Amino acid sequence: MPDPKVRGTEEPHLLHKMREFNDTVEPPSIDGPGATAIDRRIVAAAPAGITGRELLAEQRRFNMAFSSDPARVPQGPHGGQPPSLPRFVVILLGVVGIAGAFWLLRQLSWLIAPAFLALNMVIVVYPLQNVLRRHGVPKPIAVALTALALFVTLAVIGLVATWAISEIVTAVPQYVPELIELQEQWLDWLVSIGVEREAILQGLANINLNQIFTAFTQVFSGFSGVVGMLGVIISALIMMLIDVSTWGRRIAVAGSTHPRIVAAMREFGDGTRRYWLVCTGFGALMAALNYVQLVTLGVPLPLIWALLTWLMTYVPSVGFFFSLIPPLLVALVANGWQTALWLLIVYLVTTWIVQGVFQPKVTGNAVGVNATISLISLLLWAWVFGPIGALIALPCTQLVKALLVDADPKVRWVNSLISNETEVRGAASQT
């Protein structure tokens, strides 16, 4: 920067037209240049037609050149924009925050996952209370009937699951001879391709019984965990059903001050309800189709495997494989490899196409995400919450999307990348 003591008109620099200054920067007066804190002498010396950005640049050059006390330098906006952190720092802080949030969710998965599943159940049955109220049923009775309907449904599901497990336990022993015969056939085949029979038998003999007892201990531990999870779910259901009568009023009060967040939460509730209804409809359809196929092929326990298909429809994208493997193994042991092969082909043609292709798209439409995000959500939330995370994966994703994306116009453009629709409504443009 040229020395401001030099005088002359040949230099266009504004500071050359000004007298010597000390290191004091004179603050603007009440009728001065305003919030930009531009020195009045610079403004007075500026030629006609100079822009505000040029004045700001001139003030910055003057401050850097003559001030010996940073605290006395007026802090105006940087380049005409509010001060902000560098993008790299913002991204790094965001990544650290997300990692910390997932760590906390995993630590509290025993509480958050069952409570969120209970919330989903209450959201599904909530319209029943409104229907009863519209028909003149008093509010306490409407809430009680809604709670009764929910608990009766859960009791029926529990009884059906208990019956299915007991049927499997009862039917397994009668297939032991076929399983032994199948094992011998596999041994003969391995020997025919050059594997020594003694080595195979020795490997089978080396199976440690302690490992079997450890497996039973793990199963018992898992059962205890299921009982604890059911306790949290039932407790959360009772508390939520007690508060459900005031939900409408609470949402209305919150919407008067925070309408965007409340609108996003309403959208979350509607999407969650559509998701569970769509999954239930697909489950009933696929269970009926698989039951007919299993009966036609003569596979044992067709009703059990049809119920398994219905249950696995609530696990997006990969539920098909879990509904296929058990009946396929039973068909292999009880009916032979030909029946197992036909069952595999039929399942691939029907269950995989409907449950593996169309269902993720329809459920994605219900919650507002595409098929790719549905699969990523399943893997992510199953890692965070365990097996129950696979059941509530898409509702969890929709809740995060509602709070962080849909409720903020500055972030709503992300819907163009993760939503099933390419059009985005209400997104704020970048300035």
Protein backbone atom coordinates (compact mmCIF):
# COMPACT_ATOMS: atom_id res chain seq x y z
CA MET A 1 0.00 0.00 0.00
CA PRO A 2 1.50 3.45 -0.90
CA ASP A 3 2.55 5.76 1.89
CA PRO A 4 -0.43 8.04 2.73
CA LYS A 5 1.93 10.91 3.55
CA VAL A 6 2.73 11.26 -0.13
CA ARG A 7 0.63 14.02 -1.63
CA GLY A 8 -0.43 14.48 -5.17
CA THR A 9 -3.30 14.09 -7.55
CA GLU A 10 -1.58 11.70 -9.94
CA GLU A 11 -2.38 8.70 -7.69
CA PRO A 12 -6.07 7.67 -7.71
CA HIS A 13 -5.79 6.03 -4.27
CA LEU A 14 -8.30 7.64 -1.90
CA LEU A 15 -5.92 7.72 1.04
CA HIS A 16 -3.59 10.02 -0.94
CA LYS A 17 -6.24 12.72 -0.79
CA MET A 18 -6.41 12.55 2.99
CA ARG A 19 -4.21 14.12 5.67
CA GLU A 20 -2.02 12.15 8.02
CA PHE A 21 -3.83 9.90 10.47
CA ASN A 22 -2.91 8.48 13.80
CA ASP A 23 -3.89 4.91 14.78
CA THR A 24 -7.36 5.94 16.01
CA VAL A 25 -10.24 4.93 13.81
CA GLU A 26 -13.08 7.38 14.27
CA PRO A 27 -16.44 5.61 14.76
CA PRO A 28 -19.37 6.63 12.60
CA SER A 29 -21.83 9.14 13.97
CA ILE A 30 -25.54 8.55 14.23
CA ASP A 31 -26.08 10.08 10.80
CA GLY A 32 -22.91 8.59 9.36
CA PRO A 33 -22.44 5.66 7.01
CA GLY A 34 -24.18 3.23 9.40
CA ALA A 35 -23.57 -0.42 10.22
CA THR A 36 -20.62 -0.77 7.88
CA ALA A 37 -18.53 1.41 10.23
CA ILE A 38 -16.75 3.16 7.35
CA ASP A 39 -14.62 6.08 8.44
CA ARG A 40 -16.38 9.36 7.63
CA ARG A 41 -13.18 10.83 6.23
CA ILE A 42 -12.97 8.01 3.67
CA VAL A 43 -16.56 8.66 2.69
CA ALA A 44 -15.91 12.41 2.41
CA ALA A 45 -12.85 11.83 0.25
CA ALA A 46 -14.58 9.32 -2.03
CA PRO A 47 -15.35 10.46 -5.58
CA ALA A 48 -18.89 10.47 -6.87
CA GLY A 49 -20.20 7.13 -8.07
CA ILE A 50 -18.01 4.91 -5.88
CA THR A 51 -19.72 1.73 -4.72
CA GLY A 52 -20.18 0.55 -1.17
CA ARG A 53 -18.00 -2.51 -1.80
CA GLU A 54 -15.13 -0.25 -2.87
CA LEU A 55 -15.59 1.82 0.30
CA LEU A 56 -15.47 -1.35 2.41
CA ALA A 57 -12.27 -2.45 0.68
CA GLU A 58 -10.76 0.99 1.28
CA GLN A 59 -11.71 0.85 4.97
CA ARG A 60 -10.13 -2.60 5.36
CA ARG A 61 -6.89 -1.39 3.75
CA PHE A 62 -6.83 1.64 6.04
CA ASN A 63 -7.51 -0.42 9.18
CA MET A 64 -4.78 -2.93 8.36
CA ALA A 65 -2.30 -0.19 7.60
CA PHE A 66 -2.78 2.21 10.52
CA SER A 67 -4.40 0.50 13.51
CA SER A 68 -2.13 -0.80 16.28
CA ASP A 69 -5.00 -2.13 18.43
CA PRO A 70 -7.22 -4.81 16.84
CA ALA A 71 -9.94 -4.17 19.42
CA ARG A 72 -10.34 -0.62 18.09
CA VAL A 73 -10.87 -1.72 14.50
CA PRO A 74 -14.58 -1.62 13.53
CA GLN A 75 -15.80 -5.13 12.70
CA GLY A 76 -18.12 -4.81 9.73
CA PRO A 77 -19.57 -7.65 7.65
CA HIS A 78 -17.03 -9.74 5.75
CA GLY A 79 -17.47 -9.09 2.06
CA GLY A 80 -21.03 -7.95 2.59
CA GLN A 81 -22.03 -11.32 4.14
CA PRO A 82 -22.49 -12.39 7.78
CA PRO A 83 -19.39 -14.08 9.25
CA SER A 84 -19.46 -17.88 8.98
CA LEU A 85 -17.18 -20.85 9.54
CA PRO A 86 -15.31 -22.37 6.60
CA ARG A 87 -17.27 -25.08 4.80
CA PHE A 88 -14.68 -27.72 5.68
CA VAL A 89 -15.05 -26.93 9.40
CA VAL A 90 -18.84 -27.07 9.15
CA ILE A 91 -18.71 -30.46 7.39
CA LEU A 92 -16.21 -31.81 9.93
CA LEU A 93 -18.34 -30.67 12.87
CA GLY A 94 -21.41 -32.19 11.22
CA VAL A 95 -19.68 -35.57 10.76
CA VAL A 96 -18.53 -35.56 14.39
CA GLY A 97 -22.03 -34.65 15.56
CA ILE A 98 -23.64 -37.42 13.49
CA ALA A 99 -21.15 -39.98 14.81
CA GLY A 100 -21.86 -38.90 18.37
CA ALA A 101 -25.61 -39.09 17.80
CA PHE A 102 -25.41 -42.64 16.43
CA TRP A 103 -23.18 -43.68 19.34
CA LEU A 104 -25.73 -42.32 21.81
CA LEU A 105 -28.60 -44.05 19.99
CA ARG A 106 -26.77 -47.38 20.15
CA GLN A 107 -26.14 -46.95 23.86
CA LEU A 108 -29.83 -46.21 24.48
CA SER A 109 -31.21 -48.68 21.93
CA TRP A 110 -32.81 -50.76 24.73
CA LEU A 111 -35.09 -47.78 25.44
CA ILE A 112 -35.37 -45.73 22.25
CA ALA A 113 -36.14 -48.54 19.80
CA PRO A 114 -39.03 -50.13 21.78
CA ALA A 115 -40.45 -46.71 22.68
CA PHE A 116 -40.34 -45.64 19.03
CA LEU A 117 -42.06 -48.89 17.97
CA ALA A 118 -44.76 -48.19 20.55
CA LEU A 119 -45.13 -44.67 19.15
CA ASN A 120 -45.65 -46.17 15.69
CA MET A 121 -48.41 -48.43 17.02
CA VAL A 122 -50.19 -45.51 18.67
CA ILE A 123 -49.91 -43.46 15.47
CA VAL A 124 -51.51 -46.30 13.49
CA VAL A 125 -54.53 -46.65 15.80
CA TYR A 126 -54.91 -42.92 16.53
CA PRO A 127 -57.48 -42.33 13.74
CA LEU A 128 -59.80 -44.87 15.43
CA GLN A 129 -60.22 -42.47 18.34
CA ASN A 130 -61.14 -39.65 15.97
CA VAL A 131 -63.71 -41.85 14.22
CA LEU A 132 -65.30 -42.76 17.54
CA ARG A 133 -65.36 -39.13 18.63
CA ARG A 134 -67.08 -38.09 15.39
CA HIS A 135 -69.80 -40.66 16.13
CA GLY A 136 -70.51 -39.11 19.51
CA VAL A 137 -68.51 -41.44 21.74
CA PRO A 138 -67.18 -39.61 24.82
CA LYS A 139 -63.44 -39.01 24.81
CA PRO A 140 -62.51 -41.33 27.73
CA ILE A 141 -64.50 -44.20 26.21
CA ALA A 142 -63.01 -43.55 22.76
CA VAL A 143 -59.49 -43.66 24.19
CA ALA A 144 -60.29 -46.85 26.13
CA LEU A 145 -61.74 -48.57 23.04
CA THR A 146 -58.71 -47.53 20.99
CA ALA A 147 -56.37 -48.97 23.62
CA LEU A 148 -58.44 -52.15 23.80
CA ALA A 149 -58.30 -52.63 20.03
CA LEU A 150 -54.52 -52.19 20.03
CA PHE A 151 -53.87 -54.62 22.88
CA VAL A 152 -56.27 -57.22 21.45
CA THR A 153 -54.40 -57.03 18.14
CA LEU A 154 -51.06 -57.48 19.88
CA ALA A 155 -52.45 -60.39 21.92
CA VAL A 156 -53.68 -62.13 18.76
CA ILE A 157 -50.26 -61.66 17.11
CA GLY A 158 -48.56 -63.06 20.21
CA LEU A 159 -50.84 -66.10 20.32
CA VAL A 160 -50.32 -66.81 16.64
CA ALA A 161 -46.54 -66.54 17.05
CA THR A 162 -46.64 -68.90 20.06
CA TRP A 163 -48.74 -71.41 18.11
CA ALA A 164 -46.36 -71.25 15.14
CA ILE A 165 -43.30 -71.85 17.32
CA SER A 166 -44.97 -74.78 19.09
CA GLU A 167 -45.90 -76.34 15.74
CA ILE A 168 -42.32 -76.07 14.52
CA VAL A 169 -40.96 -77.60 17.74
CA THR A 170 -43.45 -80.47 17.48
CA ALA A 171 -42.78 -81.14 13.80
CA VAL A 172 -38.97 -81.07 13.89
CA PRO A 173 -38.41 -84.53 15.53
CA GLN A 174 -40.32 -86.39 12.83
CA TYR A 175 -37.90 -85.12 10.20
CA VAL A 176 -34.80 -86.35 12.03
CA PRO A 177 -34.61 -89.64 10.04
CA GLU A 178 -34.86 -87.74 6.76
CA LEU A 179 -32.19 -85.33 7.98
CA ILE A 180 -29.85 -88.23 8.83
CA GLU A 181 -30.50 -89.79 5.44
CA LEU A 182 -29.77 -86.47 3.73
CA GLN A 183 -26.55 -86.21 5.73
CA GLU A 184 -25.48 -89.66 4.54
CA GLN A 185 -26.22 -88.69 0.95
CA TRP A 186 -24.06 -85.59 1.31
CA LEU A 187 -21.26 -87.68 2.84
CA ASP A 188 -21.41 -90.12 -0.08
CA TRP A 189 -21.28 -87.23 -2.53
CA LEU A 190 -18.26 -85.70 -0.79
CA VAL A 191 -16.50 -89.06 -0.84
CA SER A 192 -17.28 -89.45 -4.53
CA ILE A 193 -15.49 -86.18 -5.33
CA GLY A 194 -12.35 -87.23 -3.40
CA VAL A 195 -12.92 -86.13 0.19
CA GLU A 196 -11.92 -88.79 2.75
CA ARG A 197 -14.83 -90.09 4.77
CA GLU A 198 -12.72 -90.46 7.92
CA ALA A 199 -11.75 -86.80 7.80
CA ILE A 200 -15.41 -85.79 7.52
CA LEU A 201 -16.45 -87.99 10.43
CA GLN A 202 -13.56 -86.74 12.53
CA GLY A 203 -14.60 -83.17 11.83
CA LEU A 204 -18.15 -83.95 12.93
CA ALA A 205 -16.84 -85.69 16.05
CA ASN A 206 -14.83 -82.62 17.01
CA ILE A 207 -17.98 -80.57 17.54
CA ASN A 208 -17.70 -79.24 21.08
CA LEU A 209 -20.78 -79.74 23.25
CA ASN A 210 -19.82 -76.64 25.19
CA GLN A 211 -20.47 -74.65 22.05
CA ILE A 212 -23.97 -76.08 21.90
CA PHE A 213 -24.65 -75.12 25.52
CA THR A 214 -23.21 -71.67 24.81
CA ALA A 215 -25.60 -71.35 21.90
CA PHE A 216 -28.53 -72.29 24.15
CA THR A 217 -27.35 -69.70 26.68
CA GLN A 218 -27.27 -67.06 23.98
CA VAL A 219 -30.75 -68.03 22.85
CA PHE A 220 -32.00 -67.77 26.43
CA SER A 221 -30.28 -64.42 26.80
CA GLY A 222 -31.90 -63.26 23.59
CA PHE A 223 -35.28 -64.43 24.88
CA SER A 224 -34.73 -62.46 28.08
CA GLY A 225 -33.91 -59.44 25.97
CA VAL A 226 -37.15 -59.91 24.05
CA VAL A 227 -39.10 -60.05 27.32
CA GLY A 228 -37.43 -56.86 28.49
CA MET A 229 -38.17 -55.18 25.16
CA LEU A 230 -41.83 -56.21 25.43
CA GLY A 231 -41.94 -54.69 28.90
CA VAL A 232 -40.66 -51.36 27.57
CA ILE A 233 -43.10 -51.47 24.64
CA ILE A 234 -46.12 -52.20 26.85
CA SER A 235 -45.13 -49.53 29.38
CA ALA A 236 -44.62 -46.95 26.62
CA LEU A 237 -47.94 -47.91 25.03
CA ILE A 238 -49.81 -47.39 28.30
CA MET A 239 -48.23 -43.99 28.92
CA MET A 240 -48.81 -42.82 25.34
CA LEU A 241 -52.41 -43.99 25.32
CA ILE A 242 -53.02 -42.04 28.53
CA ASP A 243 -51.69 -38.88 26.84
CA VAL A 244 -53.27 -39.49 23.42
CA SER A 245 -56.46 -37.62 24.29
CA THR A 246 -54.55 -34.31 24.46
CA TRP A 247 -52.40 -34.82 21.36
CA GLY A 248 -54.63 -32.73 19.11
CA ARG A 249 -54.59 -29.72 21.44
CA ARG A 250 -50.84 -29.96 22.03
CA ILE A 251 -50.11 -30.11 18.30
CA ALA A 252 -52.36 -27.12 17.65
CA VAL A 253 -50.60 -25.04 20.33
CA ALA A 254 -47.15 -25.99 19.03
CA GLY A 255 -48.24 -25.24 15.45
CA SER A 256 -49.17 -21.67 16.37
CA THR A 257 -45.51 -20.84 17.03
CA HIS A 258 -43.58 -23.46 15.01
CA PRO A 259 -45.78 -24.26 12.03
CA ARG A 260 -43.05 -25.77 9.80
CA ILE A 261 -41.89 -28.32 12.37
CA VAL A 262 -45.45 -29.27 13.29
CA ALA A 263 -46.37 -29.64 9.62
CA ALA A 264 -43.36 -31.92 9.14
CA MET A 265 -44.42 -34.00 12.15
CA ARG A 266 -47.95 -34.30 10.76
CA GLU A 267 -46.44 -35.52 7.51
CA PHE A 268 -44.36 -38.02 9.50
CA GLY A 269 -47.50 -39.33 11.21
CA ASP A 270 -49.40 -39.71 7.94
CA GLY A 271 -46.43 -41.38 6.23
CA THR A 272 -45.87 -43.77 9.14
CA ARG A 273 -49.52 -44.78 9.07
CA ARG A 274 -49.41 -45.37 5.30
CA TYR A 275 -46.20 -47.38 5.65
CA TRP A 276 -47.62 -49.87 8.15
CA LEU A 277 -50.87 -50.21 6.22
CA VAL A 278 -49.00 -50.84 2.96
CA CYS A 279 -46.75 -53.43 4.63
CA THR A 280 -49.77 -55.18 6.14
CA GLY A 281 -51.51 -55.28 2.76
CA PHE A 282 -48.44 -56.66 1.00
CA GLY A 283 -47.97 -59.19 3.77
CA ALA A 284 -51.52 -60.50 3.45
CA LEU A 285 -51.18 -60.76 -0.34
CA MET A 286 -47.84 -62.58 -0.27
CA ALA A 287 -48.90 -64.88 2.57
CA ALA A 288 -51.93 -65.99 0.54
CA LEU A 289 -49.85 -66.57 -2.61
CA ASN A 290 -47.15 -68.50 -0.77
CA TYR A 291 -49.70 -70.63 1.05
CA VAL A 292 -51.19 -71.74 -2.26
CA GLN A 293 -47.71 -72.48 -3.66
CA LEU A 294 -46.63 -74.46 -0.59
CA VAL A 295 -49.82 -76.53 -0.54
CA THR A 296 -49.49 -77.23 -4.27
CA LEU A 297 -45.91 -78.47 -3.86
CA GLY A 298 -46.77 -80.46 -0.73
CA VAL A 299 -44.31 -78.67 1.57
CA PRO A 300 -45.02 -79.38 5.27
CA LEU A 301 -46.30 -76.61 7.58
CA PRO A 302 -47.55 -74.33 4.79
CA LEU A 303 -49.51 -72.07 7.15
CA ILE A 304 -46.41 -71.50 9.32
CA TRP A 305 -44.31 -70.42 6.34
CA ALA A 306 -47.13 -68.21 5.05
CA LEU A 307 -47.23 -66.44 8.41
CA LEU A 308 -43.44 -66.07 8.24
CA THR A 309 -43.81 -64.42 4.84
CA TRP A 310 -46.38 -62.01 6.26
CA LEU A 311 -44.04 -61.11 9.13
CA MET A 312 -41.02 -60.59 6.87
CA THR A 313 -42.87 -58.06 4.72
CA TYR A 314 -42.19 -55.56 7.52
CA VAL A 315 -38.46 -55.93 6.86
CA PRO A 316 -37.82 -54.00 3.62
CA SER A 317 -35.64 -55.30 0.78
CA VAL A 318 -34.13 -58.35 2.53
CA GLY A 319 -37.16 -59.82 4.29
CA PHE A 320 -37.71 -62.07 1.28
CA PHE A 321 -34.58 -64.11 1.99
CA PHE A 322 -35.58 -64.75 5.62
CA SER A 323 -39.02 -65.94 4.49
CA LEU A 324 -37.49 -68.24 1.85
CA ILE A 325 -34.75 -70.15 3.70
CA PRO A 326 -36.83 -72.09 6.34
CA PRO A 327 -39.45 -73.55 3.94
CA LEU A 328 -36.70 -74.27 1.42
CA LEU A 329 -34.76 -76.34 3.97
CA VAL A 330 -37.90 -78.18 5.07
CA ALA A 331 -38.79 -78.95 1.43
CA LEU A 332 -35.25 -80.24 0.87
CA VAL A 333 -35.38 -82.58 3.88
CA ALA A 334 -38.99 -83.75 3.59
CA ASN A 335 -39.65 -83.71 -0.17
CA GLY A 336 -36.25 -83.89 -1.88
CA TRP A 337 -34.17 -81.52 -3.92
CA GLN A 338 -36.64 -81.44 -6.84
CA THR A 339 -39.41 -79.95 -4.70
CA ALA A 340 -36.91 -77.56 -3.10
CA LEU A 341 -35.78 -76.41 -6.53
CA TRP A 342 -39.37 -75.83 -7.69
CA LEU A 343 -40.11 -73.93 -4.49
CA LEU A 344 -37.04 -71.73 -5.05
CA ILE A 345 -38.14 -70.96 -8.61
CA VAL A 346 -41.71 -70.16 -7.57
CA TYR A 347 -40.55 -67.92 -4.72
CA LEU A 348 -38.16 -66.09 -7.01
CA VAL A 349 -40.90 -65.50 -9.55
CA THR A 350 -43.53 -64.32 -7.07
CA THR A 351 -42.16 -63.31 -3.68
CA TRP A 352 -38.94 -61.75 -4.89
CA ILE A 353 -40.60 -59.75 -7.66
CA VAL A 354 -43.43 -58.48 -5.46
CA GLN A 355 -41.71 -58.26 -2.08
CA GLY A 356 -38.22 -57.47 -3.29
CA VAL A 357 -39.01 -55.07 -6.12
CA PHE A 358 -42.49 -53.55 -5.84
CA GLN A 359 -42.84 -53.39 -2.07
CA PRO A 360 -39.73 -51.23 -1.47
CA LYS A 361 -40.97 -48.79 -4.10
CA VAL A 362 -44.49 -48.61 -2.65
CA THR A 363 -43.28 -48.35 0.94
CA GLY A 364 -40.75 -45.77 -0.20
CA ASN A 365 -43.58 -43.78 -1.72
CA ALA A 366 -45.43 -44.03 1.59
CA VAL A 367 -42.55 -42.55 3.58
CA GLY A 368 -41.11 -40.32 0.85
CA VAL A 369 -37.77 -42.02 0.11
CA ASN A 370 -36.51 -43.98 -2.89
CA ALA A 371 -35.60 -47.67 -2.98
CA THR A 372 -31.88 -47.06 -2.49
CA ILE A 373 -32.46 -45.03 0.66
CA SER A 374 -34.84 -47.77 1.87
CA LEU A 375 -32.06 -50.37 1.68
CA ILE A 376 -29.48 -48.05 3.28
CA SER A 377 -31.97 -47.25 6.04
CA LEU A 378 -32.49 -50.94 6.76
CA LEU A 379 -28.76 -51.61 7.12
CA LEU A 380 -28.10 -48.45 9.13
CA TRP A 381 -30.90 -48.75 11.68
CA ALA A 382 -30.39 -52.51 12.05
CA TRP A 383 -26.79 -51.69 13.01
CA VAL A 384 -27.91 -48.99 15.44
CA PHE A 385 -30.89 -50.71 17.10
CA GLY A 386 -30.33 -54.39 16.34
CA PRO A 387 -33.10 -56.67 14.97
CA ILE A 388 -35.86 -54.28 16.00
CA GLY A 389 -34.09 -51.61 13.94
CA ALA A 390 -34.87 -53.57 10.77
CA LEU A 391 -38.56 -53.41 11.70
CA ILE A 392 -38.63 -49.64 12.30
CA ALA A 393 -35.97 -48.65 9.74
CA LEU A 394 -38.14 -46.64 7.35
CA PRO A 395 -40.16 -44.88 10.08
CA CYS A 396 -36.84 -43.86 11.71
CA THR A 397 -35.61 -42.48 8.39
CA GLN A 398 -38.85 -40.62 7.87
CA LEU A 399 -38.62 -39.04 11.33
CA VAL A 400 -35.06 -37.83 10.67
CA LYS A 401 -36.13 -36.56 7.25
CA ALA A 402 -39.13 -34.72 8.71
CA LEU A 403 -37.12 -32.96 11.43
CA LEU A 404 -33.92 -32.15 9.54
CA VAL A 405 -35.00 -31.82 5.90
CA ASP A 406 -38.72 -31.17 5.48
CA ALA A 407 -38.92 -28.63 8.31
CA ASP A 408 -36.06 -26.48 6.97
CA PRO A 409 -36.52 -24.74 3.58
CA LYS A 410 -32.74 -24.31 3.28
CA VAL A 411 -32.22 -28.10 3.42
CA ARG A 412 -35.37 -29.21 1.62
CA TRP A 413 -33.47 -29.45 -1.68
CA VAL A 414 -32.03 -32.74 -0.35
CA ASN A 415 -35.42 -34.32 -1.15
CA SER A 416 -34.46 -34.18 -4.82
CA LEU A 417 -31.73 -36.75 -4.04
CA ILE A 418 -33.40 -39.04 -1.49
CA SER A 419 -37.11 -38.79 -2.28
CA ASN A 420 -39.06 -40.96 -4.67
CA GLU A 421 -40.16 -37.79 -6.47
CA THR A 422 -37.81 -35.52 -8.40
CA GLU A 423 -39.80 -32.36 -7.75
CA VAL A 424 -39.15 -30.44 -4.53
CA ARG A 425 -41.67 -28.04 -3.05
CA GLY A 426 -40.81 -25.07 -0.86
CA ALA A 427 -37.04 -25.31 -1.09
CA ALA A 428 -35.15 -22.05 -0.50
CA SER A 429 -32.62 -21.10 -3.15
CA GLN A 430 -28.96 -20.65 -2.20
CA THR A 431 -27.87 -17.01 -1.90
